[in-house]
Amino acid sequence: MHFRDKDELLVSGMRDMLRSVHPAGLPSTAKRYEKVISFGLPIFEHIRQQRRIGEAMIGSRGRAIIHEHLQRVLAERIAGDVSKDFQGRRKKPAQMPPDLFAQYVASTFILVLNWWVENRSPLPPEEINDLFRSLILPTLAATLE
């Protein structure tokens, strides 16, 4: 009764899930960009747990809708995480806009997630997260250091 529609309910649940994801196991000396992508492994682990149940119930169209909402929620979270880093820097002519950066990280995550799910890859969450990290870490390091 507190939500306009089921999409708003879904987004609220995703935000709640992401709030509960803490950078587990990250030392206090971890690079800033490690904290920005700390959501990756917990989400991949969650997907693995739900994979067998969800495939039969959701279907490809439902999965696309969920991933679209997840991408938006992740981009919001990432933008919030990095906005202070971007504000504290001197402006350069070609400085990365924070919202573009957040969309890049979120869309790369969804790209890897889609590949994993659609190809029914047997790779475990840790290896999928490593693939995501290998795609994104060079840009994160260059942008946030």
N, C-alpha and C. Protein backbone atom coordinates (compact mmCIF):
# COMPACT_ATOMS: atom_id res chain seq x y z
N MET A 1 0.82 -1.20 0.00
CA MET A 1 0.00 0.00 0.00
C MET A 1 0.86 1.26 0.00
N HIS A 2 2.14 1.14 0.33
CA HIS A 2 3.00 2.32 0.38
C HIS A 2 3.69 2.59 -0.96
N PHE A 3 3.48 1.75 -1.94
CA PHE A 3 4.15 1.88 -3.22
C PHE A 3 3.12 2.12 -4.33
N ARG A 4 3.51 2.92 -5.32
CA ARG A 4 2.60 3.22 -6.44
C ARG A 4 2.33 1.99 -7.29
N ASP A 5 3.40 1.19 -7.51
CA ASP A 5 3.25 0.01 -8.36
C ASP A 5 4.31 -1.02 -8.00
N LYS A 6 4.28 -2.14 -8.70
CA LYS A 6 5.22 -3.22 -8.36
C LYS A 6 6.66 -2.86 -8.72
N ASP A 7 6.85 -1.98 -9.71
CA ASP A 7 8.21 -1.55 -10.04
C ASP A 7 8.82 -0.76 -8.88
N GLU A 8 8.04 0.13 -8.29
CA GLU A 8 8.52 0.90 -7.14
C GLU A 8 8.84 -0.03 -5.96
N LEU A 9 8.03 -1.04 -5.76
CA LEU A 9 8.30 -2.03 -4.71
C LEU A 9 9.60 -2.79 -4.99
N LEU A 10 9.80 -3.18 -6.24
CA LEU A 10 11.02 -3.88 -6.64
C LEU A 10 12.25 -3.02 -6.40
N VAL A 11 12.21 -1.77 -6.80
CA VAL A 11 13.34 -0.86 -6.61
C VAL A 11 13.62 -0.66 -5.13
N SER A 12 12.59 -0.54 -4.33
CA SER A 12 12.76 -0.38 -2.89
C SER A 12 13.46 -1.60 -2.29
N GLY A 13 13.05 -2.78 -2.72
CA GLY A 13 13.70 -4.01 -2.24
C GLY A 13 15.16 -4.08 -2.65
N MET A 14 15.46 -3.63 -3.87
CA MET A 14 16.86 -3.62 -4.33
C MET A 14 17.70 -2.65 -3.50
N ARG A 15 17.14 -1.49 -3.23
CA ARG A 15 17.87 -0.51 -2.40
C ARG A 15 18.13 -1.07 -1.01
N ASP A 16 17.13 -1.72 -0.43
CA ASP A 16 17.30 -2.34 0.88
C ASP A 16 18.39 -3.40 0.85
N MET A 17 18.38 -4.23 -0.19
CA MET A 17 19.39 -5.27 -0.32
C MET A 17 20.78 -4.66 -0.41
N LEU A 18 20.93 -3.62 -1.21
CA LEU A 18 22.24 -2.99 -1.38
C LEU A 18 22.71 -2.29 -0.11
N ARG A 19 21.78 -1.74 0.67
CA ARG A 19 22.16 -1.14 1.95
C ARG A 19 22.74 -2.18 2.90
N SER A 20 22.27 -3.41 2.78
CA SER A 20 22.75 -4.46 3.67
C SER A 20 24.09 -5.04 3.23
N VAL A 21 24.52 -4.69 2.01
CA VAL A 21 25.80 -5.18 1.49
C VAL A 21 26.91 -4.26 2.01
N HIS A 22 27.75 -4.82 2.82
CA HIS A 22 28.88 -4.08 3.35
C HIS A 22 30.15 -4.62 2.72
N PRO A 23 31.14 -3.77 2.59
CA PRO A 23 32.40 -4.24 2.01
C PRO A 23 33.08 -5.27 2.92
N ALA A 24 32.51 -6.45 2.97
CA ALA A 24 33.02 -7.50 3.85
C ALA A 24 34.44 -7.88 3.46
N GLY A 25 35.27 -7.98 4.47
CA GLY A 25 36.62 -8.44 4.25
C GLY A 25 37.55 -7.40 3.67
N LEU A 26 37.06 -6.19 3.42
CA LEU A 26 37.95 -5.15 2.89
C LEU A 26 38.70 -4.51 4.05
N PRO A 27 40.02 -4.48 3.97
CA PRO A 27 40.77 -3.82 5.04
C PRO A 27 40.55 -2.31 4.98
N SER A 28 40.78 -1.63 6.09
CA SER A 28 40.58 -0.18 6.11
C SER A 28 41.53 0.53 5.15
N THR A 29 42.59 -0.15 4.74
CA THR A 29 43.55 0.43 3.80
C THR A 29 43.19 0.15 2.35
N ALA A 30 42.04 -0.46 2.11
CA ALA A 30 41.62 -0.78 0.74
C ALA A 30 41.49 0.50 -0.07
N LYS A 31 41.80 0.40 -1.34
CA LYS A 31 41.66 1.54 -2.24
C LYS A 31 40.20 1.98 -2.29
N ARG A 32 39.99 3.24 -2.53
CA ARG A 32 38.63 3.79 -2.59
C ARG A 32 37.79 3.04 -3.62
N TYR A 33 38.38 2.72 -4.75
CA TYR A 33 37.60 2.06 -5.80
C TYR A 33 37.20 0.64 -5.41
N GLU A 34 37.92 0.00 -4.50
CA GLU A 34 37.52 -1.33 -4.03
C GLU A 34 36.18 -1.24 -3.29
N LYS A 35 35.98 -0.18 -2.55
CA LYS A 35 34.73 0.01 -1.81
C LYS A 35 33.57 0.31 -2.76
N VAL A 36 33.86 1.01 -3.87
CA VAL A 36 32.82 1.37 -4.83
C VAL A 36 32.20 0.13 -5.47
N ILE A 37 33.00 -0.90 -5.71
CA ILE A 37 32.49 -2.11 -6.39
C ILE A 37 32.30 -3.28 -5.43
N SER A 38 32.26 -3.00 -4.14
CA SER A 38 32.11 -4.08 -3.15
C SER A 38 30.76 -4.79 -3.24
N PHE A 39 29.80 -4.22 -3.95
CA PHE A 39 28.48 -4.84 -4.11
C PHE A 39 28.54 -6.08 -5.02
N GLY A 40 29.56 -6.19 -5.86
CA GLY A 40 29.61 -7.20 -6.91
C GLY A 40 29.46 -8.63 -6.42
N LEU A 41 30.38 -9.08 -5.60
CA LEU A 41 30.35 -10.47 -5.17
C LEU A 41 29.08 -10.82 -4.40
N PRO A 42 28.61 -10.00 -3.45
CA PRO A 42 27.35 -10.36 -2.77
C PRO A 42 26.16 -10.50 -3.72
N ILE A 43 26.10 -9.66 -4.75
CA ILE A 43 24.98 -9.79 -5.70
C ILE A 43 25.13 -11.06 -6.52
N PHE A 44 26.33 -11.35 -7.01
CA PHE A 44 26.54 -12.58 -7.77
C PHE A 44 26.21 -13.81 -6.92
N GLU A 45 26.58 -13.79 -5.64
CA GLU A 45 26.25 -14.91 -4.76
C GLU A 45 24.75 -15.04 -4.58
N HIS A 46 24.07 -13.92 -4.43
CA HIS A 46 22.61 -13.93 -4.29
C HIS A 46 21.96 -14.50 -5.54
N ILE A 47 22.45 -14.08 -6.70
CA ILE A 47 21.90 -14.56 -7.97
C ILE A 47 22.09 -16.07 -8.08
N ARG A 48 23.26 -16.56 -7.70
CA ARG A 48 23.49 -18.00 -7.77
C ARG A 48 22.48 -18.76 -6.91
N GLN A 49 22.20 -18.24 -5.72
CA GLN A 49 21.25 -18.90 -4.82
C GLN A 49 19.85 -18.91 -5.42
N GLN A 50 19.49 -17.86 -6.12
CA GLN A 50 18.14 -17.73 -6.66
C GLN A 50 18.00 -18.25 -8.08
N ARG A 51 19.10 -18.61 -8.68
CA ARG A 51 19.13 -18.93 -10.10
C ARG A 51 18.14 -20.03 -10.52
N ARG A 52 18.16 -21.14 -9.85
CA ARG A 52 17.29 -22.27 -10.24
C ARG A 52 15.81 -21.94 -10.08
N ILE A 53 15.50 -21.26 -9.00
CA ILE A 53 14.11 -20.90 -8.74
C ILE A 53 13.65 -19.83 -9.71
N GLY A 54 14.47 -18.79 -9.87
CA GLY A 54 14.10 -17.63 -10.65
C GLY A 54 13.97 -17.87 -12.14
N GLU A 55 14.81 -18.71 -12.70
CA GLU A 55 14.76 -18.94 -14.15
C GLU A 55 13.40 -19.44 -14.59
N ALA A 56 12.85 -20.35 -13.83
CA ALA A 56 11.56 -20.92 -14.21
C ALA A 56 10.43 -19.92 -14.02
N MET A 57 10.55 -19.07 -13.00
CA MET A 57 9.46 -18.17 -12.67
C MET A 57 9.53 -16.82 -13.38
N ILE A 58 10.72 -16.34 -13.68
CA ILE A 58 10.85 -14.99 -14.19
C ILE A 58 10.80 -14.91 -15.71
N GLY A 59 11.60 -15.69 -16.38
CA GLY A 59 11.67 -15.62 -17.84
C GLY A 59 12.58 -14.49 -18.29
N SER A 60 12.87 -14.44 -19.57
CA SER A 60 13.84 -13.47 -20.08
C SER A 60 13.33 -12.03 -19.99
N ARG A 61 12.06 -11.79 -20.25
CA ARG A 61 11.51 -10.43 -20.17
C ARG A 61 11.53 -9.92 -18.73
N GLY A 62 11.12 -10.75 -17.80
CA GLY A 62 11.15 -10.37 -16.39
C GLY A 62 12.56 -10.10 -15.91
N ARG A 63 13.50 -10.92 -16.36
CA ARG A 63 14.90 -10.73 -16.00
C ARG A 63 15.41 -9.39 -16.54
N ALA A 64 15.03 -9.04 -17.77
CA ALA A 64 15.46 -7.77 -18.36
C ALA A 64 14.94 -6.59 -17.54
N ILE A 65 13.71 -6.68 -17.09
CA ILE A 65 13.13 -5.61 -16.27
C ILE A 65 13.87 -5.49 -14.95
N ILE A 66 14.13 -6.62 -14.32
CA ILE A 66 14.85 -6.62 -13.04
C ILE A 66 16.25 -6.04 -13.22
N HIS A 67 16.95 -6.46 -14.27
CA HIS A 67 18.31 -5.97 -14.49
C HIS A 67 18.32 -4.48 -14.82
N GLU A 68 17.30 -4.00 -15.52
CA GLU A 68 17.19 -2.57 -15.82
C GLU A 68 17.06 -1.76 -14.53
N HIS A 69 16.20 -2.23 -13.64
CA HIS A 69 16.03 -1.55 -12.34
C HIS A 69 17.30 -1.66 -11.51
N LEU A 70 17.92 -2.82 -11.52
CA LEU A 70 19.16 -3.02 -10.75
C LEU A 70 20.24 -2.06 -11.26
N GLN A 71 20.35 -1.91 -12.56
CA GLN A 71 21.35 -0.99 -13.11
C GLN A 71 21.11 0.43 -12.61
N ARG A 72 19.87 0.86 -12.61
CA ARG A 72 19.54 2.21 -12.15
C ARG A 72 19.88 2.39 -10.67
N VAL A 73 19.52 1.40 -9.86
CA VAL A 73 19.80 1.48 -8.42
C VAL A 73 21.31 1.47 -8.16
N LEU A 74 22.03 0.62 -8.89
CA LEU A 74 23.49 0.58 -8.73
C LEU A 74 24.12 1.91 -9.13
N ALA A 75 23.66 2.49 -10.23
CA ALA A 75 24.21 3.78 -10.68
C ALA A 75 23.98 4.86 -9.63
N GLU A 76 22.80 4.85 -9.01
CA GLU A 76 22.52 5.82 -7.94
C GLU A 76 23.48 5.62 -6.77
N ARG A 77 23.67 4.36 -6.38
CA ARG A 77 24.57 4.07 -5.26
C ARG A 77 26.00 4.48 -5.59
N ILE A 78 26.47 4.12 -6.77
CA ILE A 78 27.84 4.44 -7.17
C ILE A 78 28.03 5.96 -7.23
N ALA A 79 27.08 6.65 -7.80
CA ALA A 79 27.16 8.12 -7.89
C ALA A 79 27.26 8.73 -6.49
N GLY A 80 26.48 8.20 -5.57
CA GLY A 80 26.55 8.68 -4.19
C GLY A 80 27.90 8.39 -3.55
N ASP A 81 28.44 7.21 -3.83
CA ASP A 81 29.74 6.83 -3.27
C ASP A 81 30.89 7.68 -3.78
N VAL A 82 30.83 8.08 -5.04
CA VAL A 82 31.97 8.78 -5.64
C VAL A 82 31.79 10.29 -5.73
N SER A 83 30.62 10.80 -5.41
CA SER A 83 30.38 12.23 -5.60
C SER A 83 31.36 13.08 -4.79
N LYS A 84 31.70 12.66 -3.59
CA LYS A 84 32.65 13.42 -2.77
C LYS A 84 34.03 13.41 -3.40
N ASP A 85 34.43 12.28 -3.97
CA ASP A 85 35.74 12.20 -4.64
C ASP A 85 35.81 13.18 -5.80
N PHE A 86 34.74 13.26 -6.56
CA PHE A 86 34.73 14.14 -7.72
C PHE A 86 34.66 15.61 -7.31
N GLN A 87 33.94 15.92 -6.24
CA GLN A 87 33.80 17.31 -5.80
C GLN A 87 35.11 17.88 -5.27
N GLY A 88 35.92 17.03 -4.66
CA GLY A 88 37.15 17.50 -4.06
C GLY A 88 38.29 17.72 -5.04
N ARG A 89 38.09 17.46 -6.30
CA ARG A 89 39.15 17.57 -7.30
C ARG A 89 39.07 18.88 -8.04
N ARG A 90 40.21 19.31 -8.50
CA ARG A 90 40.23 20.48 -9.37
C ARG A 90 39.68 20.07 -10.73
N LYS A 91 38.91 20.93 -11.30
CA LYS A 91 38.31 20.62 -12.61
C LYS A 91 39.37 20.64 -13.70
N LYS A 92 39.33 19.61 -14.52
CA LYS A 92 40.19 19.54 -15.70
C LYS A 92 39.27 19.61 -16.91
N PRO A 93 39.77 20.00 -18.05
CA PRO A 93 38.91 20.12 -19.24
C PRO A 93 38.16 18.84 -19.58
N ALA A 94 38.79 17.70 -19.43
CA ALA A 94 38.14 16.44 -19.82
C ALA A 94 37.78 15.59 -18.60
N GLN A 95 37.43 16.23 -17.50
CA GLN A 95 37.10 15.48 -16.29
C GLN A 95 35.84 14.64 -16.50
N MET A 96 35.89 13.43 -15.98
CA MET A 96 34.78 12.48 -16.11
C MET A 96 33.57 12.99 -15.32
N PRO A 97 32.42 13.15 -15.96
CA PRO A 97 31.21 13.51 -15.22
C PRO A 97 30.81 12.34 -14.29
N PRO A 98 30.51 12.64 -13.02
CA PRO A 98 30.19 11.56 -12.07
C PRO A 98 29.05 10.66 -12.50
N ASP A 99 28.01 11.23 -13.12
CA ASP A 99 26.87 10.40 -13.52
C ASP A 99 27.25 9.46 -14.66
N LEU A 100 28.11 9.90 -15.57
CA LEU A 100 28.58 9.03 -16.65
C LEU A 100 29.43 7.90 -16.08
N PHE A 101 30.29 8.23 -15.14
CA PHE A 101 31.13 7.23 -14.48
C PHE A 101 30.26 6.18 -13.79
N ALA A 102 29.25 6.62 -13.05
CA ALA A 102 28.37 5.69 -12.34
C ALA A 102 27.62 4.79 -13.31
N GLN A 103 27.14 5.35 -14.42
CA GLN A 103 26.45 4.54 -15.43
C GLN A 103 27.39 3.52 -16.06
N TYR A 104 28.63 3.90 -16.29
CA TYR A 104 29.62 2.99 -16.87
C TYR A 104 29.85 1.77 -15.96
N VAL A 105 30.07 2.02 -14.69
CA VAL A 105 30.32 0.92 -13.75
C VAL A 105 29.08 0.03 -13.64
N ALA A 106 27.91 0.64 -13.48
CA ALA A 106 26.67 -0.13 -13.33
C ALA A 106 26.35 -0.92 -14.59
N SER A 107 26.52 -0.32 -15.75
CA SER A 107 26.19 -1.04 -17.00
C SER A 107 27.19 -2.16 -17.26
N THR A 108 28.44 -1.98 -16.87
CA THR A 108 29.41 -3.07 -17.02
C THR A 108 29.05 -4.23 -16.10
N PHE A 109 28.60 -3.92 -14.89
CA PHE A 109 28.17 -4.98 -13.98
C PHE A 109 27.00 -5.75 -14.58
N ILE A 110 26.01 -5.04 -15.11
CA ILE A 110 24.84 -5.69 -15.70
C ILE A 110 25.23 -6.48 -16.93
N LEU A 111 26.17 -5.99 -17.72
CA LEU A 111 26.66 -6.72 -18.89
C LEU A 111 27.22 -8.09 -18.47
N VAL A 112 28.05 -8.09 -17.44
CA VAL A 112 28.64 -9.34 -16.96
C VAL A 112 27.56 -10.24 -16.37
N LEU A 113 26.65 -9.67 -15.60
CA LEU A 113 25.55 -10.45 -15.01
C LEU A 113 24.70 -11.09 -16.10
N ASN A 114 24.33 -10.32 -17.11
CA ASN A 114 23.53 -10.86 -18.22
C ASN A 114 24.26 -12.00 -18.93
N TRP A 115 25.54 -11.79 -19.20
CA TRP A 115 26.32 -12.83 -19.87
C TRP A 115 26.31 -14.11 -19.05
N TRP A 116 26.51 -13.99 -17.76
CA TRP A 116 26.57 -15.15 -16.85
C TRP A 116 25.25 -15.91 -16.84
N VAL A 117 24.15 -15.16 -16.71
CA VAL A 117 22.83 -15.77 -16.59
C VAL A 117 22.35 -16.31 -17.94
N GLU A 118 22.44 -15.51 -18.98
CA GLU A 118 21.91 -15.92 -20.28
C GLU A 118 22.66 -17.09 -20.89
N ASN A 119 23.96 -17.18 -20.64
CA ASN A 119 24.75 -18.29 -21.15
C ASN A 119 24.77 -19.50 -20.21
N ARG A 120 24.05 -19.35 -19.11
CA ARG A 120 24.00 -20.41 -18.10
C ARG A 120 25.42 -20.90 -17.76
N SER A 121 26.30 -19.93 -17.62
CA SER A 121 27.69 -20.22 -17.33
C SER A 121 27.81 -20.93 -15.98
N PRO A 122 28.60 -21.98 -15.93
CA PRO A 122 28.79 -22.70 -14.67
C PRO A 122 29.81 -22.03 -13.74
N LEU A 123 30.39 -20.93 -14.18
CA LEU A 123 31.40 -20.27 -13.36
C LEU A 123 30.79 -19.84 -12.02
N PRO A 124 31.52 -20.01 -10.94
CA PRO A 124 31.01 -19.59 -9.62
C PRO A 124 31.04 -18.07 -9.48
N PRO A 125 30.30 -17.55 -8.52
CA PRO A 125 30.23 -16.10 -8.31
C PRO A 125 31.60 -15.42 -8.17
N GLU A 126 32.53 -16.09 -7.51
CA GLU A 126 33.86 -15.50 -7.32
C GLU A 126 34.55 -15.25 -8.67
N GLU A 127 34.43 -16.19 -9.58
CA GLU A 127 35.07 -16.04 -10.89
C GLU A 127 34.34 -15.00 -11.75
N ILE A 128 33.04 -14.94 -11.64
CA ILE A 128 32.28 -13.92 -12.38
C ILE A 128 32.65 -12.54 -11.83
N ASN A 129 32.76 -12.43 -10.53
CA ASN A 129 33.17 -11.15 -9.94
C ASN A 129 34.57 -10.77 -10.40
N ASP A 130 35.46 -11.75 -10.51
CA ASP A 130 36.81 -11.48 -11.02
C ASP A 130 36.76 -10.96 -12.46
N LEU A 131 35.86 -11.51 -13.28
CA LEU A 131 35.70 -11.00 -14.65
C LEU A 131 35.22 -9.55 -14.64
N PHE A 132 34.23 -9.27 -13.82
CA PHE A 132 33.73 -7.90 -13.68
C PHE A 132 34.86 -6.97 -13.26
N ARG A 133 35.61 -7.38 -12.25
CA ARG A 133 36.71 -6.57 -11.75
C ARG A 133 37.78 -6.34 -12.83
N SER A 134 38.08 -7.36 -13.61
CA SER A 134 39.11 -7.19 -14.63
C SER A 134 38.68 -6.19 -15.70
N LEU A 135 37.39 -6.11 -15.96
CA LEU A 135 36.87 -5.14 -16.93
C LEU A 135 36.86 -3.71 -16.37
N ILE A 136 36.60 -3.58 -15.09
CA ILE A 136 36.32 -2.27 -14.52
C ILE A 136 37.48 -1.64 -13.75
N LEU A 137 38.38 -2.46 -13.19
CA LEU A 137 39.43 -1.90 -12.33
C LEU A 137 40.35 -0.90 -13.01
N PRO A 138 40.77 -1.10 -14.26
CA PRO A 138 41.65 -0.08 -14.86
C PRO A 138 41.00 1.31 -14.89
N THR A 139 39.72 1.36 -15.24
CA THR A 139 39.03 2.65 -15.29
C THR A 139 38.84 3.22 -13.88
N LEU A 140 38.48 2.36 -12.94
CA LEU A 140 38.32 2.83 -11.56
C LEU A 140 39.60 3.42 -11.02
N ALA A 141 40.70 2.69 -11.21
CA ALA A 141 41.98 3.16 -10.69
C ALA A 141 42.37 4.50 -11.34
N ALA A 142 42.18 4.61 -12.63
CA ALA A 142 42.56 5.83 -13.34
C ALA A 142 41.66 7.01 -12.97
N THR A 143 40.40 6.74 -12.66
CA THR A 143 39.44 7.80 -12.40
C THR A 143 39.44 8.24 -10.95
N LEU A 144 39.61 7.28 -10.02
CA LEU A 144 39.47 7.60 -8.60
C LEU A 144 40.79 7.77 -7.86
N GLU A 145 41.90 7.60 -8.52
CA GLU A 145 43.16 7.79 -7.80
C GLU A 145 43.72 9.16 -8.03
